[in-house]
Protein backbone atom coordinates (compact mmCIF):
# COMPACT_ATOMS: atom_id res chain seq x y z
CA UNK A 1 116.29 51.38 197.75
CA UNK A 2 112.78 52.00 199.03
CA UNK A 3 110.13 49.66 197.61
CA UNK A 4 108.00 52.44 196.11
CA UNK A 5 111.00 54.06 194.44
CA UNK A 6 112.11 50.71 193.03
CA UNK A 7 108.64 50.13 191.64
CA UNK A 8 108.63 53.51 189.87
CA UNK A 9 112.09 52.91 188.41
CA UNK A 10 111.30 49.36 187.33
CA UNK A 11 107.82 50.17 186.01
CA UNK A 12 107.49 53.92 185.38
CA UNK A 13 103.98 55.31 185.02
CA UNK A 14 102.86 55.76 181.42
CA UNK A 15 102.63 59.54 181.84
CA UNK A 16 106.39 59.85 182.49
CA UNK A 17 107.14 60.38 178.82
CA UNK A 18 109.83 62.64 177.38
CA UNK A 19 107.10 65.11 176.44
CA UNK A 20 105.67 65.18 179.96
CA UNK A 21 109.08 65.57 181.57
CA UNK A 22 110.40 68.11 179.06
CA UNK A 23 107.41 70.42 179.32
CA UNK A 24 107.13 70.12 183.09
CA UNK A 25 110.82 70.80 183.67
CA UNK A 26 110.47 73.82 181.38
CA UNK A 27 107.53 75.18 183.34
CA UNK A 28 109.32 74.63 186.66
CA UNK A 29 112.35 76.59 185.48
CA UNK A 30 110.05 79.27 184.02
CA UNK A 31 108.40 79.61 187.42
CA UNK A 32 111.73 79.79 189.24
CA UNK A 33 113.16 82.40 186.87
CA UNK A 34 110.05 84.52 186.24
CA UNK A 35 107.68 83.69 189.10
CA UNK A 36 104.91 82.79 186.67
CA UNK A 37 102.75 79.73 187.14
CA UNK A 38 102.22 78.27 183.69
CA UNK A 39 100.74 75.37 181.81
CA UNK A 40 102.92 72.76 180.16
CA UNK A 41 102.29 74.52 176.84
CA UNK A 42 103.32 77.92 178.22
CA UNK A 43 106.39 76.42 179.88
CA UNK A 44 107.40 74.79 176.62
CA UNK A 45 106.87 77.98 174.66
CA UNK A 46 109.05 79.81 177.16
CA UNK A 47 111.66 77.04 176.86
CA UNK A 48 111.83 77.30 173.08
CA UNK A 49 112.64 81.00 173.43
CA UNK A 50 114.89 80.90 176.49
CA UNK A 51 116.72 77.59 176.80
CA UNK A 52 120.04 76.87 175.08
CA UNK A 53 119.70 76.35 171.35
CA UNK A 54 120.76 72.71 171.59
CA UNK A 55 117.53 71.96 173.50
CA UNK A 56 115.10 74.10 171.54
CA UNK A 57 114.34 71.43 168.93
CA UNK A 58 113.58 68.90 171.67
CA UNK A 59 111.22 71.28 173.45
CA UNK A 60 109.56 72.24 170.17
CA UNK A 61 109.16 68.57 169.23
CA UNK A 62 107.52 67.88 172.60
CA UNK A 63 105.25 70.90 172.19
CA UNK A 64 104.16 69.61 168.78
CA UNK A 65 103.30 66.24 170.28
CA UNK A 66 101.51 67.86 173.23
CA UNK A 67 99.50 70.06 170.84
CA UNK A 68 98.49 67.02 168.79
CA UNK A 69 100.45 68.11 165.73
CA UNK A 70 102.51 64.91 165.70
CA UNK A 71 101.97 61.43 167.06
CA UNK A 72 104.33 59.70 169.46
CA UNK A 73 107.45 61.75 168.86
CA UNK A 74 110.63 59.78 169.23
CA UNK A 75 113.20 62.03 170.85
CA UNK A 76 116.95 61.71 170.66
CA UNK A 77 117.70 59.92 173.94
CA UNK A 78 121.16 61.44 174.42
CA UNK A 79 119.86 64.96 173.91
CA UNK A 80 116.90 64.24 176.18
CA UNK A 81 119.16 62.98 178.98
CA UNK A 82 121.44 66.00 178.54
CA UNK A 83 118.34 68.22 178.74
CA UNK A 84 117.17 66.58 181.97
CA UNK A 85 120.62 66.95 183.54
CA UNK A 86 120.85 70.59 182.43
CA UNK A 87 117.38 71.43 183.72
CA UNK A 88 117.94 69.80 187.11
CA UNK A 89 121.20 71.72 187.47
CA UNK A 90 119.52 75.00 186.44
CA UNK A 91 116.61 74.44 188.80
CA UNK A 92 118.96 73.68 191.70
CA UNK A 93 121.13 76.73 190.94
CA UNK A 94 118.22 79.12 190.59
CA UNK A 95 115.97 77.99 193.39
CA UNK A 96 115.97 80.17 196.44
CA UNK A 97 114.14 79.80 199.67
CA UNK A 98 113.25 83.23 200.97
């Protein structure tokens, strides 16, 4: 594995939190599906309304943390990993290069 990649995996930057990843993956999929550039908040709000129900609580929890309504939300790690896998699959399936 490349040295830089190993370093990121072994010592991930502090900003790579579940909230950061959840909201950014939501905004990426929002952009791919609707063509709208959005903030993390807007992407999360779209995700709460449009992603499968099993992920809506996670996205809402991350939005609450992002909005300062809760401190240091602890997310369900299994649901978070399932969310990441789902989102990567959705992004890959919906991306098109015109």
